[in-house]
């Protein structure tokens, strides 16, 4: 079963410097508009070809605009044997609204 985390929990992971990958699966134009520093950007359609770039031994938090694409990618990663994967509920839009108001909303 796929677990969702809130943007508050994502912010806590970042504040605590938890060893995890923040995987941003939005398109390059979206990332150019609004991004969280340190995220690994890999648009949804490129994930299957780029699986080798993702560690299986670290948690992966998947992020998109609102949480739909990231949910699909997180489920795909689980099916590929990634055991510690979570979906960021609300995506970057919620993160910008609740955590970091300097990030533009679109």
N, C-alpha and C. Protein backbone atom coordinates (compact mmCIF):
# COMPACT_ATOMS: atom_id res chain seq x y z
N UNK A 1 0.84 -1.19 0.00
CA UNK A 1 0.00 0.00 0.00
C UNK A 1 0.88 1.25 0.00
N UNK A 2 0.51 2.20 -0.79
CA UNK A 2 1.29 3.43 -0.90
C UNK A 2 0.93 4.40 0.21
N UNK A 3 1.95 4.98 0.81
CA UNK A 3 1.75 5.94 1.89
C UNK A 3 1.87 7.36 1.33
N UNK A 4 0.98 8.23 1.77
CA UNK A 4 1.09 9.66 1.50
C UNK A 4 1.75 10.34 2.69
N UNK A 5 2.54 11.37 2.42
CA UNK A 5 3.00 12.23 3.51
C UNK A 5 2.51 13.64 3.22
N UNK A 6 2.31 14.39 4.27
CA UNK A 6 1.88 15.78 4.13
C UNK A 6 3.08 16.65 3.78
N UNK A 7 2.79 17.85 3.31
CA UNK A 7 3.89 18.78 3.04
C UNK A 7 4.57 19.19 4.34
N UNK A 8 3.84 19.16 5.44
CA UNK A 8 4.46 19.44 6.74
C UNK A 8 5.48 18.37 7.10
N UNK A 9 5.14 17.12 6.82
CA UNK A 9 6.10 16.05 7.09
C UNK A 9 7.30 16.14 6.16
N UNK A 10 7.06 16.49 4.90
CA UNK A 10 8.17 16.69 3.96
C UNK A 10 9.09 17.80 4.47
N UNK A 11 8.52 18.90 4.94
CA UNK A 11 9.33 19.99 5.48
C UNK A 11 10.13 19.53 6.69
N UNK A 12 9.53 18.69 7.52
CA UNK A 12 10.25 18.17 8.69
C UNK A 12 11.42 17.30 8.24
N UNK A 13 11.19 16.43 7.24
CA UNK A 13 12.28 15.61 6.71
C UNK A 13 13.43 16.50 6.24
N UNK A 14 13.09 17.58 5.54
CA UNK A 14 14.12 18.49 5.03
C UNK A 14 14.83 19.20 6.18
N UNK A 15 14.07 19.69 7.15
CA UNK A 15 14.65 20.38 8.31
C UNK A 15 15.59 19.47 9.09
N UNK A 16 15.20 18.20 9.22
CA UNK A 16 16.01 17.23 9.97
C UNK A 16 17.14 16.64 9.13
N UNK A 17 17.22 17.07 7.87
CA UNK A 17 18.23 16.56 6.93
C UNK A 17 18.19 15.04 6.81
N UNK A 18 16.96 14.52 6.77
CA UNK A 18 16.77 13.09 6.58
C UNK A 18 17.41 12.70 5.24
N UNK A 19 18.00 11.52 5.20
CA UNK A 19 18.64 11.01 3.99
C UNK A 19 17.56 10.40 3.09
N UNK A 20 17.05 11.20 2.16
CA UNK A 20 16.01 10.74 1.25
C UNK A 20 16.15 11.47 -0.08
N UNK A 21 15.48 10.95 -1.09
CA UNK A 21 15.44 11.59 -2.40
C UNK A 21 14.07 12.23 -2.57
N UNK A 22 14.07 13.52 -2.90
CA UNK A 22 12.83 14.21 -3.27
C UNK A 22 12.79 14.17 -4.79
N UNK A 23 11.89 13.37 -5.33
CA UNK A 23 11.78 13.16 -6.77
C UNK A 23 10.64 14.01 -7.31
N UNK A 24 10.98 15.02 -8.10
CA UNK A 24 10.00 15.92 -8.70
C UNK A 24 9.72 15.41 -10.11
N UNK A 25 8.48 14.97 -10.35
CA UNK A 25 8.14 14.35 -11.63
C UNK A 25 7.37 15.28 -12.57
N UNK A 26 7.43 16.58 -12.31
CA UNK A 26 6.75 17.55 -13.19
C UNK A 26 7.59 17.80 -14.44
N UNK A 27 6.98 18.48 -15.38
CA UNK A 27 7.64 18.82 -16.64
C UNK A 27 8.63 19.98 -16.42
N UNK A 28 9.66 20.08 -17.28
CA UNK A 28 10.68 21.12 -17.10
C UNK A 28 10.12 22.54 -17.00
N UNK A 29 9.12 22.89 -17.76
CA UNK A 29 8.52 24.22 -17.67
C UNK A 29 7.90 24.50 -16.32
N UNK A 30 7.30 23.47 -15.73
CA UNK A 30 6.71 23.62 -14.40
C UNK A 30 7.81 23.83 -13.35
N UNK A 31 8.87 23.06 -13.47
CA UNK A 31 9.99 23.16 -12.53
C UNK A 31 10.65 24.53 -12.64
N UNK A 32 10.72 25.08 -13.86
CA UNK A 32 11.30 26.41 -14.06
C UNK A 32 10.46 27.47 -13.36
N UNK A 33 9.16 27.23 -13.24
CA UNK A 33 8.25 28.18 -12.58
C UNK A 33 8.34 28.09 -11.06
N UNK A 34 8.40 26.87 -10.54
CA UNK A 34 8.37 26.66 -9.09
C UNK A 34 9.10 25.37 -8.76
N UNK A 35 10.03 25.43 -7.82
CA UNK A 35 10.80 24.23 -7.48
C UNK A 35 11.23 24.26 -6.02
N UNK A 36 11.49 23.07 -5.51
CA UNK A 36 12.07 22.93 -4.17
C UNK A 36 13.54 22.61 -4.36
N UNK A 37 14.43 23.43 -3.79
CA UNK A 37 15.86 23.20 -3.96
C UNK A 37 16.27 21.80 -3.51
N UNK A 38 17.15 21.20 -4.29
CA UNK A 38 17.68 19.88 -3.94
C UNK A 38 16.90 18.71 -4.49
N UNK A 39 15.75 18.97 -5.11
CA UNK A 39 14.96 17.88 -5.67
C UNK A 39 15.63 17.31 -6.92
N UNK A 40 15.46 16.02 -7.12
CA UNK A 40 15.89 15.36 -8.35
C UNK A 40 14.72 15.50 -9.33
N UNK A 41 14.95 16.16 -10.43
CA UNK A 41 13.89 16.40 -11.41
C UNK A 41 13.95 15.33 -12.48
N UNK A 42 12.82 14.64 -12.66
CA UNK A 42 12.73 13.56 -13.62
C UNK A 42 11.27 13.51 -14.06
N UNK A 43 10.95 14.14 -15.19
CA UNK A 43 9.55 14.20 -15.59
C UNK A 43 8.96 12.80 -15.66
N UNK A 44 7.68 12.71 -15.38
CA UNK A 44 6.98 11.44 -15.25
C UNK A 44 7.28 10.50 -16.42
N UNK A 45 7.24 11.01 -17.63
CA UNK A 45 7.41 10.14 -18.80
C UNK A 45 8.82 9.58 -18.93
N UNK A 46 9.81 10.19 -18.25
CA UNK A 46 11.19 9.71 -18.35
C UNK A 46 11.57 8.72 -17.25
N UNK A 47 10.71 8.58 -16.25
CA UNK A 47 11.06 7.73 -15.10
C UNK A 47 11.41 6.30 -15.51
N UNK A 48 10.62 5.61 -16.33
CA UNK A 48 10.99 4.23 -16.66
C UNK A 48 12.40 4.08 -17.24
N UNK A 49 12.80 5.00 -18.09
CA UNK A 49 14.14 4.92 -18.71
C UNK A 49 15.24 5.35 -17.75
N UNK A 50 14.87 6.04 -16.68
CA UNK A 50 15.89 6.57 -15.77
C UNK A 50 15.88 5.89 -14.40
N UNK A 51 15.22 4.74 -14.29
CA UNK A 51 15.14 4.04 -13.00
C UNK A 51 16.51 3.81 -12.37
N UNK A 52 17.51 3.55 -13.20
CA UNK A 52 18.87 3.28 -12.70
C UNK A 52 19.45 4.46 -11.92
N UNK A 53 18.88 5.64 -12.06
CA UNK A 53 19.37 6.82 -11.35
C UNK A 53 18.82 6.91 -9.92
N UNK A 54 17.84 6.07 -9.61
CA UNK A 54 17.19 6.14 -8.30
C UNK A 54 17.74 5.07 -7.37
N UNK A 55 18.04 5.45 -6.12
CA UNK A 55 18.56 4.47 -5.16
C UNK A 55 17.43 3.63 -4.58
N UNK A 56 17.68 2.34 -4.45
CA UNK A 56 16.69 1.47 -3.82
C UNK A 56 16.89 1.40 -2.30
N UNK A 57 17.99 1.97 -1.82
CA UNK A 57 18.32 1.86 -0.40
C UNK A 57 18.04 3.15 0.39
N UNK A 58 17.33 4.10 -0.22
CA UNK A 58 16.97 5.34 0.47
C UNK A 58 15.49 5.61 0.22
N UNK A 59 14.84 6.27 1.18
CA UNK A 59 13.44 6.65 0.95
C UNK A 59 13.34 7.62 -0.22
N UNK A 60 12.24 7.52 -0.97
CA UNK A 60 11.97 8.42 -2.08
C UNK A 60 10.60 9.05 -1.85
N UNK A 61 10.58 10.38 -1.81
CA UNK A 61 9.33 11.14 -1.71
C UNK A 61 9.05 11.72 -3.08
N UNK A 62 7.92 11.35 -3.68
CA UNK A 62 7.60 11.76 -5.04
C UNK A 62 6.65 12.94 -5.01
N UNK A 63 6.98 13.97 -5.81
CA UNK A 63 6.27 15.25 -5.80
C UNK A 63 5.86 15.63 -7.21
N UNK A 64 4.67 16.20 -7.34
CA UNK A 64 4.25 16.81 -8.61
C UNK A 64 3.51 18.11 -8.27
N UNK A 65 2.58 18.53 -9.11
CA UNK A 65 1.87 19.78 -8.87
C UNK A 65 0.86 19.65 -7.73
N UNK A 66 -0.02 18.64 -7.82
CA UNK A 66 -1.05 18.46 -6.79
C UNK A 66 -1.04 17.09 -6.13
N UNK A 67 -0.36 16.11 -6.70
CA UNK A 67 -0.28 14.79 -6.10
C UNK A 67 -0.77 13.65 -6.97
N UNK A 68 -1.34 13.93 -8.13
CA UNK A 68 -1.85 12.88 -9.01
C UNK A 68 -0.76 12.13 -9.76
N UNK A 69 0.08 12.87 -10.45
CA UNK A 69 1.18 12.23 -11.20
C UNK A 69 2.15 11.55 -10.24
N UNK A 70 2.43 12.22 -9.13
CA UNK A 70 3.38 11.63 -8.18
C UNK A 70 2.83 10.33 -7.60
N UNK A 71 1.53 10.25 -7.39
CA UNK A 71 0.92 9.02 -6.91
C UNK A 71 1.16 7.90 -7.91
N UNK A 72 0.94 8.19 -9.18
CA UNK A 72 1.13 7.18 -10.22
C UNK A 72 2.59 6.73 -10.29
N UNK A 73 3.51 7.69 -10.23
CA UNK A 73 4.94 7.34 -10.28
C UNK A 73 5.34 6.55 -9.04
N UNK A 74 4.86 6.94 -7.88
CA UNK A 74 5.19 6.22 -6.65
C UNK A 74 4.70 4.77 -6.72
N UNK A 75 3.50 4.57 -7.23
CA UNK A 75 2.97 3.20 -7.40
C UNK A 75 3.85 2.42 -8.39
N UNK A 76 4.26 3.06 -9.47
CA UNK A 76 5.14 2.42 -10.45
C UNK A 76 6.46 2.02 -9.79
N UNK A 77 7.04 2.93 -8.99
CA UNK A 77 8.30 2.62 -8.33
C UNK A 77 8.16 1.43 -7.39
N UNK A 78 7.06 1.39 -6.64
CA UNK A 78 6.82 0.24 -5.77
C UNK A 78 6.79 -1.05 -6.59
N UNK A 79 6.10 -1.02 -7.72
CA UNK A 79 5.99 -2.20 -8.58
C UNK A 79 7.35 -2.63 -9.14
N UNK A 80 8.29 -1.68 -9.20
CA UNK A 80 9.64 -1.98 -9.69
C UNK A 80 10.59 -2.40 -8.57
N UNK A 81 10.07 -2.56 -7.36
CA UNK A 81 10.88 -3.06 -6.26
C UNK A 81 11.44 -2.00 -5.33
N UNK A 82 11.02 -0.76 -5.49
CA UNK A 82 11.44 0.28 -4.55
C UNK A 82 10.53 0.18 -3.32
N UNK A 83 11.11 -0.16 -2.18
CA UNK A 83 10.32 -0.49 -1.00
C UNK A 83 9.87 0.74 -0.20
N UNK A 84 10.69 1.78 -0.18
CA UNK A 84 10.42 2.93 0.70
C UNK A 84 10.08 4.15 -0.15
N UNK A 85 8.84 4.20 -0.62
CA UNK A 85 8.38 5.28 -1.50
C UNK A 85 7.12 5.89 -0.90
N UNK A 86 7.06 7.22 -0.90
CA UNK A 86 5.87 7.93 -0.43
C UNK A 86 5.47 8.97 -1.46
N UNK A 87 4.20 9.31 -1.45
CA UNK A 87 3.65 10.35 -2.31
C UNK A 87 3.45 11.61 -1.46
N UNK A 88 3.88 12.76 -1.99
CA UNK A 88 3.69 14.02 -1.27
C UNK A 88 2.29 14.54 -1.59
N UNK A 89 1.41 14.43 -0.61
CA UNK A 89 0.01 14.82 -0.77
C UNK A 89 -0.10 16.33 -0.98
N UNK A 90 -0.77 16.73 -2.05
CA UNK A 90 -0.96 18.15 -2.33
C UNK A 90 0.13 18.76 -3.20
N UNK A 91 1.25 18.05 -3.35
CA UNK A 91 2.31 18.48 -4.24
C UNK A 91 2.92 19.83 -3.92
N UNK A 92 3.58 20.37 -4.92
CA UNK A 92 4.28 21.65 -4.72
C UNK A 92 3.30 22.78 -4.48
N UNK A 93 2.07 22.64 -4.96
CA UNK A 93 1.09 23.68 -4.72
C UNK A 93 0.81 23.81 -3.22
N UNK A 94 0.61 22.70 -2.55
CA UNK A 94 0.39 22.72 -1.10
C UNK A 94 1.65 23.16 -0.36
N UNK A 95 2.81 22.74 -0.84
CA UNK A 95 4.07 23.13 -0.21
C UNK A 95 4.23 24.65 -0.28
N UNK A 96 3.93 25.22 -1.45
CA UNK A 96 4.05 26.68 -1.62
C UNK A 96 3.03 27.42 -0.78
N UNK A 97 1.84 26.87 -0.62
CA UNK A 97 0.78 27.53 0.14
C UNK A 97 1.02 27.43 1.65
N UNK A 98 1.55 26.28 2.10
CA UNK A 98 1.63 26.03 3.55
C UNK A 98 3.02 26.14 4.15
N UNK A 99 4.05 25.90 3.35
CA UNK A 99 5.40 25.80 3.92
C UNK A 99 6.31 26.95 3.47
N UNK A 100 6.41 27.16 2.17
CA UNK A 100 7.35 28.15 1.64
C UNK A 100 6.62 29.08 0.67
N UNK A 101 6.15 30.20 1.19
CA UNK A 101 5.36 31.13 0.38
C UNK A 101 6.20 31.89 -0.65
N UNK A 102 7.52 31.68 -0.65
CA UNK A 102 8.35 32.32 -1.69
C UNK A 102 8.28 31.52 -3.01
N UNK A 103 7.81 30.29 -2.94
CA UNK A 103 7.68 29.46 -4.15
C UNK A 103 6.42 29.91 -4.87
N UNK A 104 6.52 30.27 -6.14
CA UNK A 104 5.33 30.71 -6.89
C UNK A 104 4.31 29.58 -7.03
N UNK A 105 3.05 29.96 -7.01
CA UNK A 105 1.97 29.00 -7.26
C UNK A 105 1.47 29.22 -8.68
N UNK A 106 1.08 28.15 -9.32
CA UNK A 106 0.61 28.24 -10.71
C UNK A 106 -0.55 27.31 -10.93
